[in-house]
Amino acid sequence: MSGNQVDGYARAFDGESGALVGMAVRADSDDTETLIEEHVSGLMVQ
């Protein structure tokens, strides 16, 4: 993370960031009674 991201994280979550232990990508169409087709590509975590 860049300096601004680190500072923003510390302010938002009251502390320093830790190790990433999980990640989720999801969509929700329950309230709209529709169907979602989802495609994720080029997702990179560094």
PDB file of N, CA and C in Angstrom:
ATOM      1  N   MET A   1       0.838  -1.175   0.000  1.00  0.00           N
ATOM      2  CA  MET A   1       0.000   0.000   0.000  1.00  0.00           C
ATOM      3  C   MET A   1       0.884   1.239   0.000  1.00  0.00           C
ATOM      4  N   SER A   2       0.379   2.277  -0.599  1.00  0.00           N
ATOM      5  CA  SER A   2       1.104   3.542  -0.594  1.00  0.00           C
ATOM      6  C   SER A   2       0.931   4.219   0.766  1.00  0.00           C
ATOM      7  N   GLY A   3       1.704   5.272   1.002  1.00  0.00           N
ATOM      8  CA  GLY A   3       1.628   5.991   2.264  1.00  0.00           C
ATOM      9  C   GLY A   3       0.235   6.481   2.581  1.00  0.00           C
ATOM     10  N   ASN A   4      -0.467   7.036   1.590  1.00  0.00           N
ATOM     11  CA  ASN A   4      -1.825   7.537   1.827  1.00  0.00           C
ATOM     12  C   ASN A   4      -2.795   6.420   2.178  1.00  0.00           C
ATOM     13  N   GLN A   5      -2.624   5.255   1.545  1.00  0.00           N
ATOM     14  CA  GLN A   5      -3.506   4.125   1.841  1.00  0.00           C
ATOM     15  C   GLN A   5      -3.268   3.616   3.260  1.00  0.00           C
ATOM     16  N   VAL A   6      -2.010   3.564   3.676  1.00  0.00           N
ATOM     17  CA  VAL A   6      -1.683   3.094   5.021  1.00  0.00           C
ATOM     18  C   VAL A   6      -2.281   4.033   6.061  1.00  0.00           C
ATOM     19  N   ASP A   7      -2.118   5.337   5.855  1.00  0.00           N
ATOM     20  CA  ASP A   7      -2.674   6.323   6.784  1.00  0.00           C
ATOM     21  C   ASP A   7      -4.196   6.225   6.833  1.00  0.00           C
ATOM     22  N   GLY A   8      -4.827   6.084   5.666  1.00  0.00           N
ATOM     23  CA  GLY A   8      -6.278   5.969   5.600  1.00  0.00           C
ATOM     24  C   GLY A   8      -6.783   4.721   6.293  1.00  0.00           C
ATOM     25  N   TYR A   9      -6.081   3.604   6.109  1.00  0.00           N
ATOM     26  CA  TYR A   9      -6.467   2.354   6.769  1.00  0.00           C
ATOM     27  C   TYR A   9      -6.384   2.520   8.281  1.00  0.00           C
ATOM     28  N   ALA A  10      -5.283   3.089   8.746  1.00  0.00           N
ATOM     29  CA  ALA A  10      -5.093   3.260  10.190  1.00  0.00           C
ATOM     30  C   ALA A  10      -6.200   4.118  10.790  1.00  0.00           C
ATOM     31  N   ARG A  11      -6.606   5.175  10.097  1.00  0.00           N
ATOM     32  CA  ARG A  11      -7.694   6.040  10.593  1.00  0.00           C
ATOM     33  C   ARG A  11      -9.036   5.313  10.562  1.00  0.00           C
ATOM     34  N   ALA A  12      -9.304   4.596   9.475  1.00  0.00           N
ATOM     35  CA  ALA A  12     -10.609   3.943   9.311  1.00  0.00           C
ATOM     36  C   ALA A  12     -10.797   2.771  10.266  1.00  0.00           C
ATOM     37  N   PHE A  13      -9.722   2.004  10.505  1.00  0.00           N
ATOM     38  CA  PHE A  13      -9.862   0.768  11.279  1.00  0.00           C
ATOM     39  C   PHE A  13      -9.112   0.803  12.601  1.00  0.00           C
ATOM     40  N   ASP A  14      -8.654   1.992  13.003  1.00  0.00           N
ATOM     41  CA  ASP A  14      -8.034   2.181  14.313  1.00  0.00           C
ATOM     42  C   ASP A  14      -6.829   1.278  14.541  1.00  0.00           C
ATOM     43  N   GLY A  15      -5.934   1.219  13.560  1.00  0.00           N
ATOM     44  CA  GLY A  15      -4.715   0.435  13.724  1.00  0.00           C
ATOM     45  C   GLY A  15      -4.063   0.129  12.404  1.00  0.00           C
ATOM     46  N   GLU A  16      -2.926  -0.531  12.470  1.00  0.00           N
ATOM     47  CA  GLU A  16      -2.186  -0.890  11.265  1.00  0.00           C
ATOM     48  C   GLU A  16      -2.813  -2.105  10.583  1.00  0.00           C
ATOM     49  N   SER A  17      -2.584  -2.207   9.273  1.00  0.00           N
ATOM     50  CA  SER A  17      -3.108  -3.358   8.543  1.00  0.00           C
ATOM     51  C   SER A  17      -2.260  -4.589   8.852  1.00  0.00           C
ATOM     52  N   GLY A  18      -2.879  -5.737   8.760  1.00  0.00           N
ATOM     53  CA  GLY A  18      -2.192  -6.999   9.001  1.00  0.00           C
ATOM     54  C   GLY A  18      -2.117  -7.815   7.724  1.00  0.00           C
ATOM     55  N   ALA A  19      -1.831  -9.094   7.870  1.00  0.00           N
ATOM     56  CA  ALA A  19      -1.728  -9.996   6.726  1.00  0.00           C
ATOM     57  C   ALA A  19      -3.113 -10.270   6.146  1.00  0.00           C
ATOM     58  N   LEU A  20      -3.190 -10.337   4.825  1.00  0.00           N
ATOM     59  CA  LEU A  20      -4.439 -10.691   4.160  1.00  0.00           C
ATOM     60  C   LEU A  20      -4.658 -12.185   4.339  1.00  0.00           C
ATOM     61  N   VAL A  21      -5.770 -12.558   4.942  1.00  0.00           N
ATOM     62  CA  VAL A  21      -6.044 -13.968   5.194  1.00  0.00           C
ATOM     63  C   VAL A  21      -7.214 -14.496   4.368  1.00  0.00           C
ATOM     64  N   GLY A  22      -7.898 -13.617   3.658  1.00  0.00           N
ATOM     65  CA  GLY A  22      -9.005 -14.055   2.826  1.00  0.00           C
ATOM     66  C   GLY A  22      -9.521 -12.912   1.985  1.00  0.00           C
ATOM     67  N   MET A  23     -10.190 -13.270   0.901  1.00  0.00           N
ATOM     68  CA  MET A  23     -10.757 -12.258   0.027  1.00  0.00           C
ATOM     69  C   MET A  23     -11.974 -12.866  -0.650  1.00  0.00           C
ATOM     70  N   ALA A  24     -13.010 -12.065  -0.832  1.00  0.00           N
ATOM     71  CA  ALA A  24     -14.226 -12.547  -1.479  1.00  0.00           C
ATOM     72  C   ALA A  24     -14.669 -11.550  -2.542  1.00  0.00           C
ATOM     73  N   VAL A  25     -15.197 -12.076  -3.620  1.00  0.00           N
ATOM     74  CA  VAL A  25     -15.814 -11.269  -4.667  1.00  0.00           C
ATOM     75  C   VAL A  25     -17.218 -11.835  -4.839  1.00  0.00           C
ATOM     76  N   ARG A  26     -18.214 -10.971  -4.659  1.00  0.00           N
ATOM     77  CA  ARG A  26     -19.574 -11.487  -4.745  1.00  0.00           C
ATOM     78  C   ARG A  26     -20.522 -10.437  -5.292  1.00  0.00           C
ATOM     79  N   ALA A  27     -21.682 -10.899  -5.674  1.00  0.00           N
ATOM     80  CA  ALA A  27     -22.746 -10.020  -6.158  1.00  0.00           C
ATOM     81  C   ALA A  27     -24.052 -10.512  -5.557  1.00  0.00           C
ATOM     82  N   ASP A  28     -25.009  -9.619  -5.420  1.00  0.00           N
ATOM     83  CA  ASP A  28     -26.267  -9.957  -4.769  1.00  0.00           C
ATOM     84  C   ASP A  28     -27.435  -9.400  -5.582  1.00  0.00           C
ATOM     85  N   SER A  29     -28.342 -10.280  -5.983  1.00  0.00           N
ATOM     86  CA  SER A  29     -29.518  -9.827  -6.734  1.00  0.00           C
ATOM     87  C   SER A  29     -30.814 -10.209  -6.028  1.00  0.00           C
ATOM     88  N   ASP A  30     -30.739 -10.582  -4.757  1.00  0.00           N
ATOM     89  CA  ASP A  30     -31.933 -11.024  -4.028  1.00  0.00           C
ATOM     90  C   ASP A  30     -33.063 -10.000  -4.045  1.00  0.00           C
ATOM     91  N   ASP A  31     -32.728  -8.749  -3.810  1.00  0.00           N
ATOM     92  CA  ASP A  31     -33.766  -7.716  -3.692  1.00  0.00           C
ATOM     93  C   ASP A  31     -34.357  -7.291  -5.033  1.00  0.00           C
ATOM     94  N   THR A  32     -33.662  -7.597  -6.116  1.00  0.00           N
ATOM     95  CA  THR A  32     -34.147  -7.160  -7.422  1.00  0.00           C
ATOM     96  C   THR A  32     -34.799  -8.289  -8.213  1.00  0.00           C
ATOM     97  N   GLU A  33     -34.784  -9.482  -7.665  1.00  0.00           N
ATOM     98  CA  GLU A  33     -35.360 -10.665  -8.320  1.00  0.00           C
ATOM     99  C   GLU A  33     -34.847 -10.819  -9.752  1.00  0.00           C
ATOM    100  N   THR A  34     -33.542 -10.592  -9.931  1.00  0.00           N
ATOM    101  CA  THR A  34     -32.901 -10.755 -11.230  1.00  0.00           C
ATOM    102  C   THR A  34     -31.762 -11.758 -11.107  1.00  0.00           C
ATOM    103  N   LEU A  35     -31.133 -12.053 -12.214  1.00  0.00           N
ATOM    104  CA  LEU A  35     -30.012 -12.976 -12.271  1.00  0.00           C
ATOM    105  C   LEU A  35     -28.753 -12.191 -12.609  1.00  0.00           C
ATOM    106  N   ILE A  36     -27.664 -12.519 -11.947  1.00  0.00           N
ATOM    107  CA  ILE A  36     -26.390 -11.855 -12.207  1.00  0.00           C
ATOM    108  C   ILE A  36     -25.433 -12.852 -12.843  1.00  0.00           C
ATOM    109  N   GLU A  37     -24.792 -12.438 -13.910  1.00  0.00           N
ATOM    110  CA  GLU A  37     -23.708 -13.221 -14.501  1.00  0.00           C
ATOM    111  C   GLU A  37     -22.425 -12.456 -14.244  1.00  0.00           C
ATOM    112  N   GLU A  38     -21.477 -13.094 -13.613  1.00  0.00           N
ATOM    113  CA  GLU A  38     -20.270 -12.407 -13.153  1.00  0.00           C
ATOM    114  C   GLU A  38     -19.032 -12.996 -13.802  1.00  0.00           C
ATOM    115  N   HIS A  39     -18.144 -12.126 -14.231  1.00  0.00           N
ATOM    116  CA  HIS A  39     -16.859 -12.537 -14.804  1.00  0.00           C
ATOM    117  C   HIS A  39     -15.766 -11.719 -14.124  1.00  0.00           C
ATOM    118  N   VAL A  40     -14.769 -12.383 -13.601  1.00  0.00           N
ATOM    119  CA  VAL A  40     -13.629 -11.710 -13.000  1.00  0.00           C
ATOM    120  C   VAL A  40     -12.384 -12.158 -13.723  1.00  0.00           C
ATOM    121  N   SER A  41     -11.600 -11.209 -14.193  1.00  0.00           N
ATOM    122  CA  SER A  41     -10.343 -11.570 -14.857  1.00  0.00           C
ATOM    123  C   SER A  41      -9.283 -10.547 -14.512  1.00  0.00           C
ATOM    124  N   GLY A  42      -8.067 -10.964 -14.547  1.00  0.00           N
ATOM    125  CA  GLY A  42      -6.948 -10.072 -14.290  1.00  0.00           C
ATOM    126  C   GLY A  42      -6.864  -9.605 -12.847  1.00  0.00           C
ATOM    127  N   LEU A  43      -7.465 -10.329 -11.923  1.00  0.00           N
ATOM    128  CA  LEU A  43      -7.423  -9.951 -10.511  1.00  0.00           C
ATOM    129  C   LEU A  43      -6.044 -10.285  -9.967  1.00  0.00           C
ATOM    130  N   MET A  44      -5.380  -9.293  -9.381  1.00  0.00           N
ATOM    131  CA  MET A  44      -4.033  -9.494  -8.881  1.00  0.00           C
ATOM    132  C   MET A  44      -3.914  -8.925  -7.476  1.00  0.00           C
ATOM    133  N   VAL A  45      -3.365  -9.701  -6.559  1.00  0.00           N
ATOM    134  CA  VAL A  45      -3.111  -9.239  -5.204  1.00  0.00           C
ATOM    135  C   VAL A  45      -1.610  -9.282  -4.998  1.00  0.00           C
ATOM    136  N   GLN A  46      -1.053  -8.126  -4.651  1.00  0.00           N
ATOM    137  CA  GLN A  46       0.412  -8.065  -4.446  1.00  0.00           C
ATOM    138  C   GLN A  46       0.717  -7.665  -3.041  1.00  0.00           C
TER     139      GLN A  46
END
